[in-house]
Amino acid sequence: MQHVEPPFALIGAMHTIRIHLDPVDAANAPLLVAPGSHRLGRIPEPEIETVAARCGVLACLAERGDIWVYATPILHASAAAEPPARRRVLQVDYSAQALPAPLEWLGV
């Protein structure tokens, strides 16, 4: 399956929705986000650590059934769970905009 990255202006207008199927505590490798980083535009890889240090890092803990909604381009990461445990989520990346032709969204 071919996969492309849409223009950043389109990604900047998107939202990501995460529905937690399992609880995620600090030991279960929660999603880590750098608050406000989505307002900085595309961040080159060599600058990620500096931007994360400037913005700070927030661990997104969750209970089963919790829903997180965040700006798609926010800097985010997670580590491996210790000990390995379930951390299933249903993730939907939402865009109200169409892709520039001839590209098309694939999904629901």
PDB file of N, CA and C in Angstrom:
ATOM      1  N   MET A   1       0.839  -1.165   0.000  1.00  0.00           N
ATOM      2  CA  MET A   1       0.000   0.000   0.000  1.00  0.00           C
ATOM      3  C   MET A   1       0.890   1.236   0.000  1.00  0.00           C
ATOM      4  N   GLN A   2       0.626   2.130  -0.900  1.00  0.00           N
ATOM      5  CA  GLN A   2       1.369   3.382  -0.937  1.00  0.00           C
ATOM      6  C   GLN A   2       0.905   4.277   0.196  1.00  0.00           C
ATOM      7  N   HIS A   3       1.842   5.031   0.734  1.00  0.00           N
ATOM      8  CA  HIS A   3       1.536   5.914   1.849  1.00  0.00           C
ATOM      9  C   HIS A   3       2.302   7.210   1.645  1.00  0.00           C
ATOM     10  N   VAL A   4       1.627   8.331   1.803  1.00  0.00           N
ATOM     11  CA  VAL A   4       2.288   9.631   1.667  1.00  0.00           C
ATOM     12  C   VAL A   4       1.923  10.498   2.865  1.00  0.00           C
ATOM     13  N   GLU A   5       2.730  11.512   3.116  1.00  0.00           N
ATOM     14  CA  GLU A   5       2.442  12.474   4.179  1.00  0.00           C
ATOM     15  C   GLU A   5       1.793  13.688   3.535  1.00  0.00           C
ATOM     16  N   PRO A   6       0.618  14.082   4.029  1.00  0.00           N
ATOM     17  CA  PRO A   6      -0.028  15.264   3.447  1.00  0.00           C
ATOM     18  C   PRO A   6       0.759  16.531   3.749  1.00  0.00           C
ATOM     19  N   PRO A   7       0.451  17.614   3.062  1.00  0.00           N
ATOM     20  CA  PRO A   7       1.118  18.889   3.356  1.00  0.00           C
ATOM     21  C   PRO A   7       0.957  19.247   4.830  1.00  0.00           C
ATOM     22  N   PHE A   8       1.985  19.883   5.422  1.00  0.00           N
ATOM     23  CA  PHE A   8       1.944  20.160   6.851  1.00  0.00           C
ATOM     24  C   PHE A   8       0.783  21.076   7.234  1.00  0.00           C
ATOM     25  N   ALA A   9       0.387  21.983   6.365  1.00  0.00           N
ATOM     26  CA  ALA A   9      -0.753  22.854   6.673  1.00  0.00           C
ATOM     27  C   ALA A   9      -2.001  22.021   6.942  1.00  0.00           C
ATOM     28  N   LEU A  10      -2.162  20.935   6.222  1.00  0.00           N
ATOM     29  CA  LEU A  10      -3.304  20.055   6.438  1.00  0.00           C
ATOM     30  C   LEU A  10      -3.144  19.283   7.753  1.00  0.00           C
ATOM     31  N   ILE A  11      -1.948  18.770   8.031  1.00  0.00           N
ATOM     32  CA  ILE A  11      -1.698  18.055   9.290  1.00  0.00           C
ATOM     33  C   ILE A  11      -1.939  19.000  10.470  1.00  0.00           C
ATOM     34  N   GLY A  12      -1.551  20.253  10.330  1.00  0.00           N
ATOM     35  CA  GLY A  12      -1.721  21.229  11.394  1.00  0.00           C
ATOM     36  C   GLY A  12      -3.168  21.495  11.756  1.00  0.00           C
ATOM     37  N   ALA A  13      -4.084  21.203  10.854  1.00  0.00           N
ATOM     38  CA  ALA A  13      -5.512  21.400  11.112  1.00  0.00           C
ATOM     39  C   ALA A  13      -6.193  20.116  11.593  1.00  0.00           C
ATOM     40  N   MET A  14      -5.434  19.030  11.700  1.00  0.00           N
ATOM     41  CA  MET A  14      -6.013  17.734  12.077  1.00  0.00           C
ATOM     42  C   MET A  14      -6.030  17.537  13.596  1.00  0.00           C
ATOM     43  N   HIS A  15      -6.865  16.606  14.021  1.00  0.00           N
ATOM     44  CA  HIS A  15      -6.918  16.185  15.419  1.00  0.00           C
ATOM     45  C   HIS A  15      -6.800  14.670  15.474  1.00  0.00           C
ATOM     46  N   THR A  16      -6.183  14.187  16.525  1.00  0.00           N
ATOM     47  CA  THR A  16      -6.066  12.748  16.759  1.00  0.00           C
ATOM     48  C   THR A  16      -6.910  12.411  17.977  1.00  0.00           C
ATOM     49  N   ILE A  17      -7.681  11.357  17.850  1.00  0.00           N
ATOM     50  CA  ILE A  17      -8.551  10.890  18.923  1.00  0.00           C
ATOM     51  C   ILE A  17      -8.063   9.507  19.340  1.00  0.00           C
ATOM     52  N   ARG A  18      -7.812   9.327  20.638  1.00  0.00           N
ATOM     53  CA  ARG A  18      -7.364   8.029  21.178  1.00  0.00           C
ATOM     54  C   ARG A  18      -8.383   7.559  22.210  1.00  0.00           C
ATOM     55  N   ILE A  19      -8.951   6.397  21.975  1.00  0.00           N
ATOM     56  CA  ILE A  19      -9.874   5.780  22.917  1.00  0.00           C
ATOM     57  C   ILE A  19      -9.113   4.635  23.578  1.00  0.00           C
ATOM     58  N   HIS A  20      -8.947   4.707  24.884  1.00  0.00           N
ATOM     59  CA  HIS A  20      -8.140   3.721  25.605  1.00  0.00           C
ATOM     60  C   HIS A  20      -8.949   2.479  25.930  1.00  0.00           C
ATOM     61  N   LEU A  21      -8.484   1.345  25.440  1.00  0.00           N
ATOM     62  CA  LEU A  21      -9.124   0.059  25.718  1.00  0.00           C
ATOM     63  C   LEU A  21      -8.538  -0.592  26.966  1.00  0.00           C
ATOM     64  N   ASP A  22      -7.368  -0.159  27.366  1.00  0.00           N
ATOM     65  CA  ASP A  22      -6.698  -0.658  28.565  1.00  0.00           C
ATOM     66  C   ASP A  22      -6.237   0.546  29.388  1.00  0.00           C
ATOM     67  N   PRO A  23      -6.117   0.377  30.711  1.00  0.00           N
ATOM     68  CA  PRO A  23      -5.560   1.469  31.513  1.00  0.00           C
ATOM     69  C   PRO A  23      -4.081   1.663  31.187  1.00  0.00           C
ATOM     70  N   VAL A  24      -3.628   2.888  31.300  1.00  0.00           N
ATOM     71  CA  VAL A  24      -2.220   3.217  31.057  1.00  0.00           C
ATOM     72  C   VAL A  24      -1.724   4.042  32.239  1.00  0.00           C
ATOM     73  N   ASP A  25      -0.875   3.412  33.059  1.00  0.00           N
ATOM     74  CA  ASP A  25      -0.271   4.134  34.181  1.00  0.00           C
ATOM     75  C   ASP A  25       1.168   4.480  33.817  1.00  0.00           C
ATOM     76  N   ALA A  26       1.893   5.060  34.732  1.00  0.00           N
ATOM     77  CA  ALA A  26       3.257   5.509  34.448  1.00  0.00           C
ATOM     78  C   ALA A  26       4.184   4.365  34.058  1.00  0.00           C
ATOM     79  N   ALA A  27       3.912   3.129  34.531  1.00  0.00           N
ATOM     80  CA  ALA A  27       4.760   1.988  34.205  1.00  0.00           C
ATOM     81  C   ALA A  27       4.369   1.319  32.893  1.00  0.00           C
ATOM     82  N   ASN A  28       3.233   1.722  32.334  1.00  0.00           N
ATOM     83  CA  ASN A  28       2.737   1.086  31.112  1.00  0.00           C
ATOM     84  C   ASN A  28       2.970   1.956  29.881  1.00  0.00           C
ATOM     85  N   ALA A  29       4.066   2.676  29.890  1.00  0.00           N
ATOM     86  CA  ALA A  29       4.517   3.466  28.739  1.00  0.00           C
ATOM     87  C   ALA A  29       3.433   4.394  28.188  1.00  0.00           C
ATOM     88  N   PRO A  30       3.024   5.382  28.978  1.00  0.00           N
ATOM     89  CA  PRO A  30       1.996   6.302  28.485  1.00  0.00           C
ATOM     90  C   PRO A  30       2.505   7.148  27.327  1.00  0.00           C
ATOM     91  N   LEU A  31       1.557   7.701  26.597  1.00  0.00           N
ATOM     92  CA  LEU A  31       1.883   8.663  25.560  1.00  0.00           C
ATOM     93  C   LEU A  31       2.520   9.873  26.233  1.00  0.00           C
ATOM     94  N   LEU A  32       3.631  10.336  25.700  1.00  0.00           N
ATOM     95  CA  LEU A  32       4.315  11.532  26.195  1.00  0.00           C
ATOM     96  C   LEU A  32       4.148  12.628  25.153  1.00  0.00           C
ATOM     97  N   VAL A  33       3.716  13.803  25.580  1.00  0.00           N
ATOM     98  CA  VAL A  33       3.536  14.908  24.639  1.00  0.00           C
ATOM     99  C   VAL A  33       4.303  16.135  25.129  1.00  0.00           C
ATOM    100  N   ALA A  34       4.692  16.974  24.197  1.00  0.00           N
ATOM    101  CA  ALA A  34       5.342  18.252  24.498  1.00  0.00           C
ATOM    102  C   ALA A  34       4.298  19.348  24.282  1.00  0.00           C
ATOM    103  N   PRO A  35       3.627  19.799  25.374  1.00  0.00           N
ATOM    104  CA  PRO A  35       2.542  20.770  25.229  1.00  0.00           C
ATOM    105  C   PRO A  35       2.966  22.022  24.462  1.00  0.00           C
ATOM    106  N   GLY A  36       2.124  22.418  23.524  1.00  0.00           N
ATOM    107  CA  GLY A  36       2.379  23.620  22.731  1.00  0.00           C
ATOM    108  C   GLY A  36       3.245  23.393  21.506  1.00  0.00           C
ATOM    109  N   SER A  37       3.877  22.240  21.403  1.00  0.00           N
ATOM    110  CA  SER A  37       4.786  22.001  20.267  1.00  0.00           C
ATOM    111  C   SER A  37       4.049  21.995  18.935  1.00  0.00           C
ATOM    112  N   HIS A  38       2.758  21.719  18.948  1.00  0.00           N
ATOM    113  CA  HIS A  38       1.994  21.702  17.689  1.00  0.00           C
ATOM    114  C   HIS A  38       1.879  23.096  17.076  1.00  0.00           C
ATOM    115  N   ARG A  39       2.155  24.129  17.841  1.00  0.00           N
ATOM    116  CA  ARG A  39       2.072  25.505  17.334  1.00  0.00           C
ATOM    117  C   ARG A  39       3.364  25.961  16.654  1.00  0.00           C
ATOM    118  N   LEU A  40       4.375  25.121  16.662  1.00  0.00           N
ATOM    119  CA  LEU A  40       5.702  25.515  16.159  1.00  0.00           C
ATOM    120  C   LEU A  40       5.948  25.111  14.715  1.00  0.00           C
ATOM    121  N   GLY A  41       4.988  24.478  14.069  1.00  0.00           N
ATOM    122  CA  GLY A  41       5.186  24.020  12.696  1.00  0.00           C
ATOM    123  C   GLY A  41       5.977  22.729  12.665  1.00  0.00           C
ATOM    124  N   ARG A  42       6.432  22.381  11.476  1.00  0.00           N
ATOM    125  CA  ARG A  42       7.219  21.155  11.324  1.00  0.00           C
ATOM    126  C   ARG A  42       8.550  21.330  12.046  1.00  0.00           C
ATOM    127  N   ILE A  43       8.874  20.373  12.896  1.00  0.00           N
ATOM    128  CA  ILE A  43      10.099  20.458  13.689  1.00  0.00           C
ATOM    129  C   ILE A  43      11.114  19.478  13.120  1.00  0.00           C
ATOM    130  N   PRO A  44      12.251  19.968  12.657  1.00  0.00           N
ATOM    131  CA  PRO A  44      13.281  19.066  12.126  1.00  0.00           C
ATOM    132  C   PRO A  44      13.745  18.092  13.217  1.00  0.00           C
ATOM    133  N   GLU A  45      14.037  16.877  12.832  1.00  0.00           N
ATOM    134  CA  GLU A  45      14.427  15.841  13.798  1.00  0.00           C
ATOM    135  C   GLU A  45      15.558  16.270  14.728  1.00  0.00           C
ATOM    136  N   PRO A  46      16.611  16.932  14.229  1.00  0.00           N
ATOM    137  CA  PRO A  46      17.691  17.322  15.154  1.00  0.00           C
ATOM    138  C   PRO A  46      17.250  18.309  16.242  1.00  0.00           C
ATOM    139  N   GLU A  47      16.101  18.970  16.074  1.00  0.00           N
ATOM    140  CA  GLU A  47      15.627  19.960  17.044  1.00  0.00           C
ATOM    141  C   GLU A  47      14.609  19.399  18.034  1.00  0.00           C
ATOM    142  N   ILE A  48      14.221  18.139  17.886  1.00  0.00           N
ATOM    143  CA  ILE A  48      13.154  17.570  18.707  1.00  0.00           C
ATOM    144  C   ILE A  48      13.489  17.624  20.198  1.00  0.00           C
ATOM    145  N   GLU A  49      14.674  17.201  20.579  1.00  0.00           N
ATOM    146  CA  GLU A  49      15.034  17.198  21.999  1.00  0.00           C
ATOM    147  C   GLU A  49      15.013  18.604  22.588  1.00  0.00           C
ATOM    148  N   THR A  50      15.507  19.580  21.838  1.00  0.00           N
ATOM    149  CA  THR A  50      15.530  20.968  22.314  1.00  0.00           C
ATOM    150  C   THR A  50      14.109  21.491  22.491  1.00  0.00           C
ATOM    151  N   VAL A  51      13.245  21.220  21.523  1.00  0.00           N
ATOM    152  CA  VAL A  51      11.857  21.674  21.605  1.00  0.00           C
ATOM    153  C   VAL A  51      11.145  20.990  22.764  1.00  0.00           C
ATOM    154  N   ALA A  52      11.357  19.692  22.942  1.00  0.00           N
ATOM    155  CA  ALA A  52      10.726  18.977  24.057  1.00  0.00           C
ATOM    156  C   ALA A  52      11.197  19.538  25.396  1.00  0.00           C
ATOM    157  N   ALA A  53      12.478  19.872  25.501  1.00  0.00           N
ATOM    158  CA  ALA A  53      12.997  20.444  26.742  1.00  0.00           C
ATOM    159  C   ALA A  53      12.377  21.820  27.005  1.00  0.00           C
ATOM    160  N   ARG A  54      12.198  22.608  25.957  1.00  0.00           N
ATOM    161  CA  ARG A  54      11.615  23.945  26.101  1.00  0.00           C
ATOM    162  C   ARG A  54      10.120  23.877  26.436  1.00  0.00           C
ATOM    163  N   CYS A  55       9.399  22.948  25.818  1.00  0.00           N
ATOM    164  CA  CYS A  55       7.949  22.834  26.032  1.00  0.00           C
ATOM    165  C   CYS A  55       7.609  22.031  27.288  1.00  0.00           C
ATOM    166  N   GLY A  56       8.533  21.179  27.705  1.00  0.00           N
ATOM    167  CA  GLY A  56       8.234  20.242  28.786  1.00  0.00           C
ATOM    168  C   GLY A  56       7.594  18.987  28.210  1.00  0.00           C
ATOM    169  N   VAL A  57       7.467  17.978  29.039  1.00  0.00           N
ATOM    170  CA  VAL A  57       6.881  16.716  28.595  1.00  0.00           C
ATOM    171  C   VAL A  57       5.801  16.319  29.592  1.00  0.00           C
ATOM    172  N   LEU A  58       4.653  15.951  29.083  1.00  0.00           N
ATOM    173  CA  LEU A  58       3.509  15.544  29.895  1.00  0.00           C
ATOM    174  C   LEU A  58       3.191  14.088  29.599  1.00  0.00           C
ATOM    175  N   ALA A  59       3.068  13.267  30.638  1.00  0.00           N
ATOM    176  CA  ALA A  59       2.668  11.864  30.482  1.00  0.00           C
ATOM    177  C   ALA A  59       1.148  11.795  30.510  1.00  0.00           C
ATOM    178  N   CYS A  60       0.563  11.185  29.483  1.00  0.00           N
ATOM    179  CA  CYS A  60      -0.892  11.095  29.356  1.00  0.00           C
ATOM    180  C   CYS A  60      -1.375   9.768  29.938  1.00  0.00           C
ATOM    181  N   LEU A  61      -1.645   9.759  31.235  1.00  0.00           N
ATOM    182  CA  LEU A  61      -2.147   8.568  31.903  1.00  0.00           C
ATOM    183  C   LEU A  61      -3.629   8.413  31.585  1.00  0.00           C
ATOM    184  N   ALA A  62      -4.110   7.172  31.599  1.00  0.00           N
ATOM    185  CA  ALA A  62      -5.501   6.956  31.212  1.00  0.00           C
ATOM    186  C   ALA A  62      -6.074   5.728  31.896  1.00  0.00           C
ATOM    187  N   GLU A  63      -7.374   5.765  32.097  1.00  0.00           N
ATOM    188  CA  GLU A  63      -8.136   4.600  32.536  1.00  0.00           C
ATOM    189  C   GLU A  63      -8.818   4.003  31.310  1.00  0.00           C
ATOM    190  N   ARG A  64      -9.227   2.748  31.412  1.00  0.00           N
ATOM    191  CA  ARG A  64      -9.970   2.128  30.315  1.00  0.00           C
ATOM    192  C   ARG A  64     -11.201   2.989  30.027  1.00  0.00           C
ATOM    193  N   GLY A  65     -11.409   3.307  28.751  1.00  0.00           N
ATOM    194  CA  GLY A  65     -12.544   4.129  28.345  1.00  0.00           C
ATOM    195  C   GLY A  65     -12.242   5.605  28.248  1.00  0.00           C
ATOM    196  N   ASP A  66     -11.099   6.054  28.770  1.00  0.00           N
ATOM    197  CA  ASP A  66     -10.737   7.462  28.631  1.00  0.00           C
ATOM    198  C   ASP A  66     -10.502   7.807  27.163  1.00  0.00           C
ATOM    199  N   ILE A  67     -10.787   9.040  26.834  1.00  0.00           N
ATOM    200  CA  ILE A  67     -10.596   9.511  25.456  1.00  0.00           C
ATOM    201  C   ILE A  67      -9.687  10.735  25.497  1.00  0.00           C
ATOM    202  N   TRP A  68      -8.640  10.694  24.697  1.00  0.00           N
ATOM    203  CA  TRP A  68      -7.722  11.822  24.549  1.00  0.00           C
ATOM    204  C   TRP A  68      -7.929  12.398  23.152  1.00  0.00           C
ATOM    205  N   VAL A  69      -7.983  13.705  23.053  1.00  0.00           N
ATOM    206  CA  VAL A  69      -8.036  14.390  21.768  1.00  0.00           C
ATOM    207  C   VAL A  69      -6.899  15.402  21.782  1.00  0.00           C
ATOM    208  N   TYR A  70      -6.069  15.358  20.744  1.00  0.00           N
ATOM    209  CA  TYR A  70      -4.947  16.295  20.695  1.00  0.00           C
ATOM    210  C   TYR A  70      -4.653  16.687  19.257  1.00  0.00           C
ATOM    211  N   ALA A  71      -3.931  17.789  19.107  1.00  0.00           N
ATOM    212  CA  ALA A  71      -3.524  18.264  17.785  1.00  0.00           C
ATOM    213  C   ALA A  71      -2.550  17.247  17.190  1.00  0.00           C
ATOM    214  N   THR A  72      -2.833  16.780  16.002  1.00  0.00           N
ATOM    215  CA  THR A  72      -2.037  15.724  15.369  1.00  0.00           C
ATOM    216  C   THR A  72      -0.546  16.029  15.319  1.00  0.00           C
ATOM    217  N   PRO A  73      -0.108  17.271  15.005  1.00  0.00           N
ATOM    218  CA  PRO A  73       1.337  17.482  14.882  1.00  0.00           C
ATOM    219  C   PRO A  73       2.085  17.665  16.206  1.00  0.00           C
ATOM    220  N   ILE A  74       1.434  17.501  17.353  1.00  0.00           N
ATOM    221  CA  ILE A  74       2.135  17.673  18.620  1.00  0.00           C
ATOM    222  C   ILE A  74       3.273  16.651  18.710  1.00  0.00           C
ATOM    223  N   LEU A  75       4.413  17.070  19.243  1.00  0.00           N
ATOM    224  CA  LEU A  75       5.512  16.116  19.455  1.00  0.00           C
ATOM    225  C   LEU A  75       5.036  15.081  20.459  1.00  0.00           C
ATOM    226  N   HIS A  76       5.188  13.814  20.101  1.00  0.00           N
ATOM    227  CA  HIS A  76       4.738  12.753  20.990  1.00  0.00           C
ATOM    228  C   HIS A  76       5.617  11.520  20.825  1.00  0.00           C
ATOM    229  N   ALA A  77       5.639  10.709  21.881  1.00  0.00           N
ATOM    230  CA  ALA A  77       6.434   9.480  21.885  1.00  0.00           C
ATOM    231  C   ALA A  77       5.931   8.599  23.017  1.00  0.00           C
ATOM    232  N   SER A  78       6.435   7.393  23.068  1.00  0.00           N
ATOM    233  CA  SER A  78       6.218   6.524  24.224  1.00  0.00           C
ATOM    234  C   SER A  78       7.351   5.514  24.251  1.00  0.00           C
ATOM    235  N   ALA A  79       7.565   4.956  25.423  1.00  0.00           N
ATOM    236  CA  ALA A  79       8.616   3.949  25.596  1.00  0.00           C
ATOM    237  C   ALA A  79       7.970   2.563  25.628  1.00  0.00           C
ATOM    238  N   ALA A  80       8.783   1.554  25.832  1.00  0.00           N
ATOM    239  CA  ALA A  80       8.259   0.203  26.009  1.00  0.00           C
ATOM    240  C   ALA A  80       7.716   0.073  27.426  1.00  0.00           C
ATOM    241  N   ALA A  81       6.628  -0.675  27.575  1.00  0.00           N
ATOM    242  CA  ALA A  81       6.052  -0.900  28.900  1.00  0.00           C
ATOM    243  C   ALA A  81       6.964  -1.814  29.716  1.00  0.00           C
ATOM    244  N   GLU A  82       6.995  -1.585  31.035  1.00  0.00           N
ATOM    245  CA  GLU A  82       7.812  -2.421  31.927  1.00  0.00           C
ATOM    246  C   GLU A  82       6.967  -2.904  33.082  1.00  0.00           C
ATOM    247  N   PRO A  83       6.704  -4.159  33.309  1.00  0.00           N
ATOM    248  CA  PRO A  83       6.928  -5.239  32.356  1.00  0.00           C
ATOM    249  C   PRO A  83       5.951  -5.102  31.199  1.00  0.00           C
ATOM    250  N   PRO A  84       6.204  -5.757  30.097  1.00  0.00           N
ATOM    251  CA  PRO A  84       5.289  -5.619  28.962  1.00  0.00           C
ATOM    252  C   PRO A  84       3.848  -5.891  29.387  1.00  0.00           C
ATOM    253  N   ALA A  85       2.974  -4.956  29.078  1.00  0.00           N
ATOM    254  CA  ALA A  85       1.564  -5.057  29.421  1.00  0.00           C
ATOM    255  C   ALA A  85       0.741  -4.491  28.267  1.00  0.00           C
ATOM    256  N   ARG A  86      -0.532  -4.788  28.274  1.00  0.00           N
ATOM    257  CA  ARG A  86      -1.413  -4.272  27.225  1.00  0.00           C
ATOM    258  C   ARG A  86      -1.598  -2.768  27.398  1.00  0.00           C
ATOM    259  N   ARG A  87      -1.626  -2.084  26.283  1.00  0.00           N
ATOM    260  CA  ARG A  87      -1.962  -0.655  26.259  1.00  0.00           C
ATOM    261  C   ARG A  87      -2.655  -0.361  24.937  1.00  0.00           C
ATOM    262  N   ARG A  88      -3.694  -1.110  24.697  1.00  0.00           N
ATOM    263  CA  ARG A  88      -4.416  -0.993  23.431  1.00  0.00           C
ATOM    264  C   ARG A  88      -5.213   0.309  23.379  1.00  0.00           C
ATOM    265  N   VAL A  89      -5.173   0.941  22.208  1.00  0.00           N
ATOM    266  CA  VAL A  89      -5.970   2.136  21.960  1.00  0.00           C
ATOM    267  C   VAL A  89      -6.566   2.042  20.568  1.00  0.00           C
ATOM    268  N   LEU A  90      -7.696   2.666  20.402  1.00  0.00           N
ATOM    269  CA  LEU A  90      -8.261   2.880  19.079  1.00  0.00           C
ATOM    270  C   LEU A  90      -7.910   4.314  18.737  1.00  0.00           C
ATOM    271  N   GLN A  91      -7.150   4.510  17.677  1.00  0.00           N
ATOM    272  CA  GLN A  91      -6.690   5.856  17.311  1.00  0.00           C
ATOM    273  C   GLN A  91      -7.279   6.245  15.975  1.00  0.00           C
ATOM    274  N   VAL A  92      -7.841   7.447  15.932  1.00  0.00           N
ATOM    275  CA  VAL A  92      -8.412   7.991  14.704  1.00  0.00           C
ATOM    276  C   VAL A  92      -7.761   9.338  14.447  1.00  0.00           C
ATOM    277  N   ASP A  93      -7.187   9.495  13.269  1.00  0.00           N
ATOM    278  CA  ASP A  93      -6.650  10.790  12.850  1.00  0.00           C
ATOM    279  C   ASP A  93      -7.732  11.434  11.994  1.00  0.00           C
ATOM    280  N   TYR A  94      -8.225  12.596  12.436  1.00  0.00           N
ATOM    281  CA  TYR A  94      -9.383  13.222  11.806  1.00  0.00           C
ATOM    282  C   TYR A  94      -8.984  14.489  11.066  1.00  0.00           C
ATOM    283  N   SER A  95      -9.473  14.590   9.847  1.00  0.00           N
ATOM    284  CA  SER A  95      -9.288  15.797   9.053  1.00  0.00           C
ATOM    285  C   SER A  95     -10.613  16.159   8.400  1.00  0.00           C
ATOM    286  N   ALA A  96     -10.990  17.416   8.493  1.00  0.00           N
ATOM    287  CA  ALA A  96     -12.191  17.896   7.824  1.00  0.00           C
ATOM    288  C   ALA A  96     -11.862  18.376   6.410  1.00  0.00           C
ATOM    289  N   GLN A  97     -10.576  18.347   6.051  1.00  0.00           N
ATOM    290  CA  GLN A  97     -10.149  18.846   4.748  1.00  0.00           C
ATOM    291  C   GLN A  97      -9.855  17.688   3.802  1.00  0.00           C
ATOM    292  N   ALA A  98     -10.072  17.932   2.544  1.00  0.00           N
ATOM    293  CA  ALA A  98      -9.715  16.957   1.513  1.00  0.00           C
ATOM    294  C   ALA A  98      -8.225  17.090   1.206  1.00  0.00           C
ATOM    295  N   LEU A  99      -7.648  16.007   0.729  1.00  0.00           N
ATOM    296  CA  LEU A  99      -6.259  16.050   0.271  1.00  0.00           C
ATOM    297  C   LEU A  99      -6.199  16.691  -1.106  1.00  0.00           C
ATOM    298  N   PRO A 100      -5.069  17.312  -1.453  1.00  0.00           N
ATOM    299  CA  PRO A 100      -4.949  17.858  -2.808  1.00  0.00           C
ATOM    300  C   PRO A 100      -4.946  16.713  -3.828  1.00  0.00           C
ATOM    301  N   ALA A 101      -5.630  16.931  -4.938  1.00  0.00           N
ATOM    302  CA  ALA A 101      -5.697  15.917  -6.000  1.00  0.00           C
ATOM    303  C   ALA A 101      -4.296  15.629  -6.512  1.00  0.00           C
ATOM    304  N   PRO A 102      -3.980  14.416  -6.853  1.00  0.00           N
ATOM    305  CA  PRO A 102      -4.840  13.248  -6.972  1.00  0.00           C
ATOM    306  C   PRO A 102      -4.869  12.389  -5.702  1.00  0.00           C
ATOM    307  N   LEU A 103      -4.389  12.906  -4.569  1.00  0.00           N
ATOM    308  CA  LEU A 103      -4.355  12.119  -3.337  1.00  0.00           C
ATOM    309  C   LEU A 103      -5.751  11.955  -2.767  1.00  0.00           C
ATOM    310  N   GLU A 104      -5.975  10.845  -2.057  1.00  0.00           N
ATOM    311  CA  GLU A 104      -7.258  10.573  -1.414  1.00  0.00           C
ATOM    312  C   GLU A 104      -7.010   9.989  -0.043  1.00  0.00           C
ATOM    313  N   TRP A 105      -7.906  10.303   0.912  1.00  0.00           N
ATOM    314  CA  TRP A 105      -7.846   9.655   2.214  1.00  0.00           C
ATOM    315  C   TRP A 105      -8.315   8.213   2.060  1.00  0.00           C
ATOM    316  N   LEU A 106      -7.698   7.317   2.771  1.00  0.00           N
ATOM    317  CA  LEU A 106      -8.124   5.922   2.810  1.00  0.00           C
ATOM    318  C   LEU A 106      -8.620   5.665   4.215  1.00  0.00           C
ATOM    319  N   GLY A 107      -9.816   5.217   4.355  1.00  0.00           N
ATOM    320  CA  GLY A 107     -10.347   4.949   5.687  1.00  0.00           C
ATOM    321  C   GLY A 107     -11.831   5.153   5.744  1.00  0.00           C
ATOM    322  N   VAL A 108     -12.308   5.312   6.961  1.00  0.00           N
ATOM    323  CA  VAL A 108     -13.757   5.437   7.174  1.00  0.00           C
ATOM    324  C   VAL A 108     -14.212   6.852   7.014  1.00  0.00           C
TER     325      VAL A 108
END
